[in-house]
Amino acid sequence: MAFTSGTATNYKDLLARMVTFATANGWAVVGTQTAESVYLKGSGTAGLDEIYVGIETYEDTYNNRYNWLMAGMWGWREGRTIKTQPRSSAFEMTADTGSVVGYFHNTSIPYWIACTPRRIILCANVGTTYQQIHLGFLTVPATDAQYPYPLFIGGSWNSKILNTSGTLYGFWTSGNSFSRLSIPGGAWGEKYPSTESYKKPVLDVVSLYESWNNSMLTAMDSSYLLDPIYVVSNNAKTIFGQIEGLYRVTGFNNLSENIITVGGVNYIVFQDGSRTGAGDYCALRMN
């Protein structure tokens, strides 16, 4: 796994830096539709996969909106929009909603990126909040024939007409977010907040110890427990796959951007959006 960090000048520079790092680590740019959009293809661990993701930027200066609109797809075709790419996860995209969205701003953005040829995870410090995205495959408990395309797109929400001032949404690992997964059979399952009671989400994102809350502490020797994160069915009876390199961790005696070491491996800690309770943190593997 490759890891990098730095500070982008704005949300478009952040995208350019992520693309540059990804293309040095198993991904290729397959096309662009405009100067503000890019389509990537991941090669996978053995170099034989074709993992397609697309990112468009969206800017509304008057309302302080500087966002990424993201989607997964089964392929890429010249001249098509992100919505009309082959089997795009943004197939329901309207003028304002339908893609997986990450919220940034138009000034300096500290960032951290962990990349393999299978997936990209980006965390960014945007003002007083943290944003996180996931583009790529899950690690699945199945053969390639059983589950050939476990593409997971994780972000904060599905509306481009919001910005970083929102407090209802957060990381795709939490209950206050939106994400999509290509599930076995080819349909796109989605995850969204349980507060939207008129819907029934297909997905959930959980860890082995599901009841993470503000009472979570470190171990008796003050070490940190790293809890693997899984994407499951909404009734938790089906495990679709595990998020590679990201874990839930307690925020007790912990802070965002703190580096912890577990078993000789370094992890960097991030809070869920604007939340700072002990149950609102995760740790990204750095090496």
Protein backbone atom coordinates (compact mmCIF):
# COMPACT_ATOMS: atom_id res chain seq x y z
CA MET A 1 0.00 0.00 0.00
CA ALA A 2 1.20 3.52 -0.82
CA PHE A 3 0.57 6.51 1.42
CA THR A 4 1.06 10.24 0.97
CA SER A 5 0.00 13.51 2.58
CA GLY A 6 0.28 17.20 1.85
CA THR A 7 -1.74 20.38 1.41
CA ALA A 8 -3.72 21.17 -1.72
CA THR A 9 -4.43 24.76 -2.71
CA ASN A 10 -8.16 24.07 -3.26
CA TYR A 11 -10.66 21.34 -4.10
CA LYS A 12 -9.62 21.09 -7.76
CA ASP A 13 -5.94 20.88 -6.85
CA LEU A 14 -6.87 18.16 -4.34
CA LEU A 15 -8.42 16.12 -7.15
CA ALA A 16 -5.37 16.65 -9.36
CA ARG A 17 -3.04 15.50 -6.56
CA MET A 18 -5.13 12.42 -5.86
CA VAL A 19 -5.13 11.50 -9.55
CA THR A 20 -1.36 11.97 -9.79
CA PHE A 21 -0.78 9.73 -6.77
CA ALA A 22 -3.27 7.10 -7.95
CA THR A 23 -1.70 6.88 -11.42
CA ALA A 24 1.66 6.19 -9.78
CA ASN A 25 0.10 3.32 -7.83
CA GLY A 26 -1.89 1.06 -10.12
CA TRP A 27 -4.52 3.39 -11.60
CA ALA A 28 -4.77 4.98 -15.04
CA VAL A 29 -6.67 7.96 -16.40
CA VAL A 30 -8.98 6.58 -19.09
CA GLY A 31 -10.59 9.86 -20.04
CA THR A 32 -11.96 13.27 -19.18
CA GLN A 33 -15.18 14.92 -20.28
CA THR A 34 -14.27 18.45 -19.20
CA ALA A 35 -11.41 20.11 -17.37
CA GLU A 36 -13.37 19.45 -14.17
CA SER A 37 -13.93 15.71 -14.53
CA VAL A 38 -11.78 12.60 -14.63
CA TYR A 39 -12.31 8.87 -15.05
CA LEU A 40 -9.90 6.35 -13.53
CA LYS A 41 -9.34 2.63 -13.98
CA GLY A 42 -7.73 0.54 -11.25
CA SER A 43 -5.73 -2.51 -12.27
CA GLY A 44 -6.21 -4.61 -9.11
CA THR A 45 -3.65 -6.61 -7.18
CA ALA A 46 -2.68 -8.90 -10.07
CA GLY A 47 -3.01 -6.16 -12.67
CA LEU A 48 -5.96 -7.91 -14.33
CA ASP A 49 -8.94 -5.97 -12.95
CA GLU A 50 -10.76 -3.07 -14.56
CA ILE A 51 -12.11 -0.91 -11.72
CA TYR A 52 -13.85 2.19 -13.09
CA VAL A 53 -14.62 5.32 -11.09
CA GLY A 54 -15.51 8.85 -12.13
CA ILE A 55 -15.23 12.20 -10.34
CA GLU A 56 -16.73 15.53 -11.40
CA THR A 57 -16.18 18.81 -9.59
CA TYR A 58 -19.04 21.17 -8.84
CA GLU A 59 -18.68 24.85 -7.97
CA ASP A 60 -21.25 27.34 -6.74
CA THR A 61 -19.25 30.30 -5.47
CA TYR A 62 -22.25 32.27 -4.23
CA ASN A 63 -23.31 29.45 -1.88
CA ASN A 64 -19.76 28.36 -0.98
CA ARG A 65 -20.14 24.93 -2.62
CA TYR A 66 -16.97 23.21 -3.86
CA ASN A 67 -17.80 19.54 -4.16
CA TRP A 68 -16.81 16.27 -5.79
CA LEU A 69 -19.54 14.21 -7.44
CA MET A 70 -18.43 10.56 -7.56
CA ALA A 71 -19.68 7.37 -9.16
CA GLY A 72 -18.62 3.83 -9.92
CA MET A 73 -19.29 2.19 -13.27
CA TRP A 74 -18.69 -0.98 -15.24
CA GLY A 75 -16.73 0.69 -18.01
CA TRP A 76 -16.03 4.01 -19.70
CA ARG A 77 -17.27 5.41 -22.99
CA GLU A 78 -16.09 8.59 -24.70
CA GLY A 79 -18.69 11.35 -24.80
CA ARG A 80 -20.92 10.06 -22.02
CA THR A 81 -21.68 11.91 -18.80
CA ILE A 82 -20.99 10.40 -15.38
CA LYS A 83 -24.68 9.45 -15.19
CA THR A 84 -24.73 7.64 -18.54
CA GLN A 85 -21.48 5.68 -18.30
CA PRO A 86 -22.01 1.90 -18.49
CA ARG A 87 -23.91 0.71 -15.41
CA SER A 88 -23.10 3.92 -13.53
CA SER A 89 -23.95 4.17 -9.83
CA ALA A 90 -25.17 7.71 -10.61
CA PHE A 91 -27.93 6.38 -12.89
CA GLU A 92 -30.56 8.17 -10.76
CA MET A 93 -28.67 11.45 -10.88
CA THR A 94 -30.84 14.56 -11.20
CA ALA A 95 -29.84 18.21 -11.37
CA ASP A 96 -29.01 18.21 -7.66
CA THR A 97 -28.82 14.64 -6.30
CA GLY A 98 -27.93 11.07 -7.19
CA SER A 99 -24.15 10.88 -7.05
CA VAL A 100 -21.99 10.21 -3.99
CA VAL A 101 -20.71 13.63 -2.87
CA GLY A 102 -17.64 14.84 -0.97
CA TYR A 103 -17.67 18.40 0.41
CA PHE A 104 -14.55 20.57 0.22
CA HIS A 105 -13.69 24.25 -0.12
CA ASN A 106 -11.76 26.61 -2.36
CA THR A 107 -8.81 27.28 -0.11
CA SER A 108 -5.97 25.18 1.32
CA ILE A 109 -6.85 21.57 2.21
CA PRO A 110 -4.52 19.26 4.18
CA TYR A 111 -5.00 15.70 2.92
CA TRP A 112 -3.94 12.09 3.44
CA ILE A 113 -4.27 9.39 0.77
CA ALA A 114 -3.84 5.61 1.07
CA CYS A 115 -3.82 3.88 -2.30
CA THR A 116 -3.54 0.37 -3.70
CA PRO A 117 -4.33 -0.76 -7.27
CA ARG A 118 -7.72 -1.89 -5.85
CA ARG A 119 -8.89 1.16 -3.93
CA ILE A 120 -8.26 4.79 -2.95
CA ILE A 121 -9.10 6.26 0.45
CA LEU A 122 -8.72 10.02 0.89
CA CYS A 123 -9.15 11.98 4.11
CA ALA A 124 -9.11 15.78 4.11
CA ASN A 125 -9.21 18.50 6.74
CA VAL A 126 -11.77 21.04 5.53
CA GLY A 127 -12.03 23.88 8.03
CA THR A 128 -13.25 22.41 11.32
CA THR A 129 -14.48 19.18 9.69
CA TYR A 130 -12.95 16.11 8.10
CA GLN A 131 -14.09 14.59 4.83
CA GLN A 132 -13.38 11.05 3.66
CA ILE A 133 -13.99 9.19 0.40
CA HIS A 134 -13.59 5.60 -0.77
CA LEU A 135 -13.17 4.64 -4.43
CA GLY A 136 -12.56 1.00 -5.32
CA PHE A 137 -13.01 -2.63 -4.37
CA LEU A 138 -13.85 -4.19 -1.04
CA THR A 139 -11.97 -7.26 0.22
CA VAL A 140 -14.67 -9.91 -0.16
CA PRO A 141 -15.27 -13.39 1.37
CA ALA A 142 -15.94 -14.88 -2.06
CA THR A 143 -14.26 -15.99 -5.25
CA ASP A 144 -14.02 -13.76 -8.33
CA ALA A 145 -16.69 -15.89 -9.98
CA GLN A 146 -19.03 -15.46 -7.01
CA TYR A 147 -18.48 -11.71 -6.62
CA PRO A 148 -16.54 -10.29 -9.56
CA TYR A 149 -17.08 -6.54 -9.07
CA PRO A 150 -17.32 -5.39 -5.41
CA LEU A 151 -16.97 -1.68 -6.22
CA PHE A 152 -17.76 0.62 -3.29
CA ILE A 153 -18.12 4.40 -3.58
CA GLY A 154 -18.20 6.14 -0.20
CA GLY A 155 -18.70 9.82 0.56
CA SER A 156 -20.73 12.15 2.75
CA TRP A 157 -24.09 12.64 1.05
CA ASN A 158 -25.92 12.49 -2.28
CA SER A 159 -26.72 16.20 -2.76
CA LYS A 160 -24.38 18.63 -4.49
CA ILE A 161 -26.27 21.68 -3.18
CA LEU A 162 -24.81 21.36 0.32
CA ASN A 163 -21.41 22.43 1.64
CA THR A 164 -19.04 21.85 4.52
CA SER A 165 -21.19 23.82 6.97
CA GLY A 166 -23.59 20.88 7.26
CA THR A 167 -23.48 18.92 10.51
CA LEU A 168 -25.98 16.14 9.75
CA TYR A 169 -23.70 14.17 7.42
CA GLY A 170 -20.28 12.65 8.00
CA PHE A 171 -17.97 9.81 6.98
CA TRP A 172 -19.36 6.96 4.93
CA THR A 173 -18.39 4.72 7.87
CA SER A 174 -21.07 6.36 10.03
CA GLY A 175 -24.84 6.32 10.02
CA ASN A 176 -24.95 9.88 8.69
CA SER A 177 -23.73 9.40 5.15
CA PHE A 178 -24.43 8.07 1.68
CA SER A 179 -22.61 5.38 -0.31
CA ARG A 180 -23.17 2.82 -3.06
CA LEU A 181 -21.93 -0.72 -3.68
CA SER A 182 -22.15 -2.92 -6.76
CA ILE A 183 -23.67 -5.99 -5.09
CA PRO A 184 -23.60 -9.57 -6.43
CA GLY A 185 -25.92 -9.74 -9.40
CA GLY A 186 -24.99 -6.27 -10.63
CA ALA A 187 -27.48 -3.94 -8.94
CA TRP A 188 -26.30 -0.88 -7.02
CA GLY A 189 -27.13 -1.12 -3.34
CA GLU A 190 -27.08 2.07 -1.33
CA LYS A 191 -26.60 3.23 2.23
CA TYR A 192 -28.21 6.35 3.68
CA PRO A 193 -29.20 7.56 7.14
CA SER A 194 -31.72 5.53 9.12
CA THR A 195 -33.56 8.81 9.83
CA GLU A 196 -34.99 8.57 6.32
CA SER A 197 -37.66 6.18 7.56
CA TYR A 198 -39.62 6.23 4.32
CA LYS A 199 -36.77 4.34 2.64
CA LYS A 200 -35.18 0.99 3.27
CA PRO A 201 -31.43 0.99 2.57
CA VAL A 202 -29.80 -2.11 1.14
CA LEU A 203 -26.45 -1.54 2.84
CA ASP A 204 -24.95 -0.76 6.22
CA VAL A 205 -21.36 -0.16 7.31
CA VAL A 206 -20.49 -1.85 10.60
CA SER A 207 -17.55 -3.09 12.64
CA LEU A 208 -17.17 -6.28 14.66
CA TYR A 209 -18.01 -4.41 17.83
CA GLU A 210 -21.02 -2.48 16.56
CA SER A 211 -21.95 -0.44 19.64
CA TRP A 212 -19.26 2.21 19.31
CA ASN A 213 -20.19 5.09 21.61
CA ASN A 214 -18.72 7.73 23.88
CA SER A 215 -17.97 5.13 26.57
CA MET A 216 -15.33 3.37 24.45
CA LEU A 217 -11.89 3.34 26.08
CA THR A 218 -8.43 2.10 25.26
CA ALA A 219 -7.25 -1.34 26.40
CA MET A 220 -5.97 -1.79 29.96
CA ASP A 221 -2.39 -1.26 28.76
CA SER A 222 -3.50 2.02 27.05
CA SER A 223 -3.13 0.50 23.60
CA TYR A 224 -5.73 1.05 20.89
CA LEU A 225 -8.11 -1.61 19.59
CA LEU A 226 -8.47 -1.50 15.81
CA ASP A 227 -11.93 -2.73 14.82
CA PRO A 228 -12.29 -3.89 11.17
CA ILE A 229 -15.04 -2.22 9.13
CA TYR A 230 -17.44 -4.19 6.92
CA VAL A 231 -20.11 -3.36 4.37
CA VAL A 232 -23.10 -5.61 5.05
CA SER A 233 -26.76 -5.95 4.12
CA ASN A 234 -29.15 -3.77 6.06
CA ASN A 235 -30.17 -6.73 8.22
CA ALA A 236 -26.48 -7.68 8.72
CA LYS A 237 -27.11 -11.23 7.47
CA THR A 238 -24.85 -10.81 4.44
CA ILE A 239 -21.25 -9.61 4.60
CA PHE A 240 -20.39 -8.06 1.24
CA GLY A 241 -16.80 -7.25 2.15
CA GLN A 242 -14.26 -5.53 4.37
CA ILE A 243 -12.79 -2.06 3.95
CA GLU A 244 -9.06 -2.53 3.45
CA GLY A 245 -6.77 -0.49 5.70
CA LEU A 246 -9.39 1.43 7.69
CA TYR A 247 -10.55 0.65 11.24
CA ARG A 248 -12.74 2.11 13.94
CA VAL A 249 -10.80 3.29 16.96
CA THR A 250 -11.75 5.01 20.19
CA GLY A 251 -11.42 8.79 20.49
CA PHE A 252 -10.59 8.42 24.19
CA ASN A 253 -7.21 10.12 24.75
CA ASN A 254 -7.08 10.49 20.99
CA LEU A 255 -7.34 13.29 18.42
CA SER A 256 -7.66 13.72 14.68
CA GLU A 257 -4.29 13.45 12.92
CA ASN A 258 -2.83 11.59 15.89
CA ILE A 259 -0.56 8.76 14.73
CA ILE A 260 -0.87 5.52 16.66
CA THR A 261 1.23 2.38 16.28
CA VAL A 262 -0.30 -1.09 16.58
CA GLY A 263 1.81 -4.18 15.95
CA GLY A 264 4.60 -2.10 14.40
CA VAL A 265 2.21 -0.50 11.87
CA ASN A 266 1.36 3.22 11.89
CA TYR A 267 -2.20 4.51 11.60
CA ILE A 268 -3.47 8.08 11.41
CA VAL A 269 -6.67 8.97 13.26
CA PHE A 270 -9.60 11.03 11.94
CA GLN A 271 -12.90 12.17 13.39
CA ASP A 272 -16.25 11.69 11.66
CA GLY A 273 -16.98 15.05 10.01
CA SER A 274 -17.51 17.55 12.83
CA ARG A 275 -18.10 14.90 15.52
CA THR A 276 -15.60 14.41 18.34
CA GLY A 277 -17.20 11.85 20.65
CA ALA A 278 -15.12 8.85 21.68
CA GLY A 279 -17.12 6.68 19.28
CA ASP A 280 -16.62 8.96 16.27
CA TYR A 281 -13.11 8.10 15.12
CA CYS A 282 -11.40 5.83 12.64
CA ALA A 283 -7.75 5.01 11.87
CA LEU A 284 -6.20 4.77 8.39
CA ARG A 285 -3.20 2.53 7.81
CA MET A 286 -0.10 4.45 6.70
CA ASN A 287 2.45 1.71 5.92
